[in-house]
C-alpha cells in the first residue's frame, strides 16, 4: 500500500464460506490492514508457530515470549504438585 509516497506492507486475506441460509451462495470477505494483522497475531499465539508464508516483520520474538510463558506455567504447575 502506498500512502503519502511511502510504501507499506499490508496483510491481506481472502475468506470464503457457505451462506447458512442459501447453501448455493458463498460469502466472500477481504480481510486486510489492522484486522488482518490482528488475526495473524492471534493465529500465531493460538497455534504457537509462525505461518508458512514469509513475513516482513520479525514475529520470532512473539514465539519466544509464548514459549517462555508456557515454560513458566509448566514450572508453576510442577511446583504446586510438590
C-alpha atoms as a PDB file:
ATOM      1  CA  UNK A   1       0.000   0.000   0.000  1.00  0.00           C
ATOM      2  CA  UNK A   2       1.300   3.471  -0.788  1.00  0.00           C
ATOM      3  CA  UNK A   3       0.395   6.439   1.394  1.00  0.00           C
ATOM      4  CA  UNK A   4       1.960   9.899   1.026  1.00  0.00           C
ATOM      5  CA  UNK A   5       4.650   8.492  -1.268  1.00  0.00           C
ATOM      6  CA  UNK A   6       5.673   5.835   1.280  1.00  0.00           C
ATOM      7  CA  UNK A   7       5.160   2.123   0.681  1.00  0.00           C
ATOM      8  CA  UNK A   8       3.900  -0.125   3.477  1.00  0.00           C
ATOM      9  CA  UNK A   9       3.375  -3.880   3.609  1.00  0.00           C
ATOM     10  CA  UNK A  10      -0.230  -4.729   4.424  1.00  0.00           C
ATOM     11  CA  UNK A  11      -1.537  -8.204   5.247  1.00  0.00           C
ATOM     12  CA  UNK A  12      -4.430  -9.343   3.088  1.00  0.00           C
ATOM     13  CA  UNK A  13      -6.539 -12.499   3.385  1.00  0.00           C
ATOM     14  CA  UNK A  14      -9.435 -13.792   1.286  1.00  0.00           C
ATOM     15  CA  UNK A  15     -12.065 -15.582   3.339  1.00  0.00           C
ATOM     16  CA  UNK A  16     -14.981 -17.507   1.865  1.00  0.00           C
ATOM     17  CA  UNK A  17     -17.731 -19.517   3.493  1.00  0.00           C
ATOM     18  CA  UNK A  18     -21.080 -21.012   2.517  1.00  0.00           C
ATOM     19  CA  UNK A  19     -24.111 -18.916   3.421  1.00  0.00           C
ATOM     20  CA  UNK A  20     -26.155 -20.858   6.020  1.00  0.00           C
ATOM     21  CA  UNK A  21     -29.484 -19.622   4.642  1.00  0.00           C
ATOM     22  CA  UNK A  22     -28.657 -20.086   0.963  1.00  0.00           C
ATOM     23  CA  UNK A  23     -26.452 -23.141   0.543  1.00  0.00           C
ATOM     24  CA  UNK A  24     -25.814 -22.366  -3.125  1.00  0.00           C
ATOM     25  CA  UNK A  25     -24.304 -18.980  -2.254  1.00  0.00           C
ATOM     26  CA  UNK A  26     -20.965 -18.323  -0.669  1.00  0.00           C
ATOM     27  CA  UNK A  27     -19.992 -15.272   1.323  1.00  0.00           C
ATOM     28  CA  UNK A  28     -16.672 -13.730   0.371  1.00  0.00           C
ATOM     29  CA  UNK A  29     -14.717 -11.342   2.552  1.00  0.00           C
ATOM     30  CA  UNK A  30     -11.483  -9.452   2.066  1.00  0.00           C
ATOM     31  CA  UNK A  31      -9.683  -9.090   5.391  1.00  0.00           C
ATOM     32  CA  UNK A  32      -6.848  -6.579   5.288  1.00  0.00           C
ATOM     33  CA  UNK A  33      -4.948  -3.956   7.236  1.00  0.00           C
ATOM     34  CA  UNK A  34      -5.310  -3.806  11.005  1.00  0.00           C
ATOM     35  CA  UNK A  35      -7.928  -6.579  11.091  1.00  0.00           C
ATOM     36  CA  UNK A  36      -5.651  -8.934   9.130  1.00  0.00           C
ATOM     37  CA  UNK A  37      -2.695  -8.020  11.347  1.00  0.00           C
ATOM     38  CA  UNK A  38      -4.702  -8.804  14.491  1.00  0.00           C
ATOM     39  CA  UNK A  39      -5.919 -12.113  13.007  1.00  0.00           C
ATOM     40  CA  UNK A  40      -2.355 -13.035  12.106  1.00  0.00           C
ATOM     41  CA  UNK A  41      -1.054 -12.302  15.608  1.00  0.00           C
ATOM     42  CA  UNK A  42      -3.917 -14.223  17.235  1.00  0.00           C
ATOM     43  CA  UNK A  43      -3.231 -17.214  14.979  1.00  0.00           C
ATOM     44  CA  UNK A  44       0.480 -17.109  15.870  1.00  0.00           C
ATOM     45  CA  UNK A  45      -0.334 -17.075  19.594  1.00  0.00           C
ATOM     46  CA  UNK A  46      -3.016 -19.780  19.422  1.00  0.00           C
ATOM     47  CA  UNK A  47      -1.051 -22.121  17.151  1.00  0.00           C
ATOM     48  CA  UNK A  48       2.289 -21.251  18.771  1.00  0.00           C
ATOM     49  CA  UNK A  49       4.018 -21.189  15.387  1.00  0.00           C
ATOM     50  CA  UNK A  50       4.774 -18.861  12.518  1.00  0.00           C
ATOM     51  CA  UNK A  51       2.832 -19.104   9.245  1.00  0.00           C
ATOM     52  CA  UNK A  52       4.298 -20.842   6.227  1.00  0.00           C
ATOM     53  CA  UNK A  53       4.388 -17.632   4.199  1.00  0.00           C
ATOM     54  CA  UNK A  54       7.194 -15.097   4.548  1.00  0.00           C
ATOM     55  CA  UNK A  55       6.667 -12.182   6.928  1.00  0.00           C
ATOM     56  CA  UNK A  56       8.301  -8.787   6.592  1.00  0.00           C
ATOM     57  CA  UNK A  57       8.075  -8.186  10.327  1.00  0.00           C
ATOM     58  CA  UNK A  58      10.009 -10.245  12.833  1.00  0.00           C
ATOM     59  CA  UNK A  59       7.489 -12.323  14.792  1.00  0.00           C
ATOM     60  CA  UNK A  60      10.065 -14.700  16.270  1.00  0.00           C
ATOM     61  CA  UNK A  61      10.152 -12.573  19.448  1.00  0.00           C
ATOM     62  CA  UNK A  62       6.430 -13.296  19.897  1.00  0.00           C
ATOM     63  CA  UNK A  63       7.027 -17.044  19.541  1.00  0.00           C
ATOM     64  CA  UNK A  64       9.867 -16.889  22.086  1.00  0.00           C
ATOM     65  CA  UNK A  65       7.656 -14.950  24.517  1.00  0.00           C
ATOM     66  CA  UNK A  66       4.915 -17.596  24.206  1.00  0.00           C
ATOM     67  CA  UNK A  67       7.436 -20.403  24.715  1.00  0.00           C
ATOM     68  CA  UNK A  68       8.764 -18.666  27.842  1.00  0.00           C
ATOM     69  CA  UNK A  69       5.240 -18.255  29.210  1.00  0.00           C
ATOM     70  CA  UNK A  70       4.452 -21.916  28.574  1.00  0.00           C
ATOM     71  CA  UNK A  71       7.678 -22.990  30.308  1.00  0.00           C
ATOM     72  CA  UNK A  72       6.949 -20.825  33.358  1.00  0.00           C
ATOM     73  CA  UNK A  73       3.371 -22.154  33.508  1.00  0.00           C
ATOM     74  CA  UNK A  74       4.621 -25.757  33.424  1.00  0.00           C
ATOM     75  CA  UNK A  75       7.174 -24.977  36.124  1.00  0.00           C
ATOM     76  CA  UNK A  76       4.485 -23.453  38.347  1.00  0.00           C
ATOM     77  CA  UNK A  77       2.213 -26.481  37.887  1.00  0.00           C
ATOM     78  CA  UNK A  78       5.096 -28.820  38.766  1.00  0.00           C
ATOM     79  CA  UNK A  79       5.892 -26.836  41.902  1.00  0.00           C
ATOM     80  CA  UNK A  80       2.254 -26.816  43.044  1.00  0.00           C
ATOM     81  CA  UNK A  81       2.147 -30.654  42.938  1.00  0.00           C
ATOM     82  CA  UNK A  82       5.048 -30.966  45.362  1.00  0.00           C
END
